[in-house]
Amino acid sequence: MNGLTRLHTIAAARGDGLRPELLALFQRQHETARHPNVVVLQPQDRTQAGPSPVGIGTTDLPDGVLAFPARPCTSFQHASKRKL
C-alpha cells in the first residue's frame, strides 16, 4: 500500500477518507505493481498497426450518388446528446 491508502484507513475510521473511485484506482495500481509480468502502457508507447485509412474521393462515386458535404469534427458528443 502507498501512503495515501494508509492515510485513508486512518481517515475512514473517523468517517472520512478518499473517494471510492480514487481508492479503487490506487488499489488497481498496487495490484498491478505486484505482478512483474504486467506492463502498463502509456499513451506515448502506443503505435498504429497500419496506415491511416483513406476515404473514397468524390470522383469515384457512381452516377446518381451524392457525397455528403465535409464537416469538421468539433468534439465528441454522446449519441443521446446529439441534435438531429
Foldseek 3Di string as FASTA:
>chain_A
DDPQVVVQVVVVVVVDHDDPVVVVVVVVVVVQVVDPVHDDDDPVNDDDPDDDDDDDDQVPDDPPDHDDDDDDDDDDDPPVPDDD
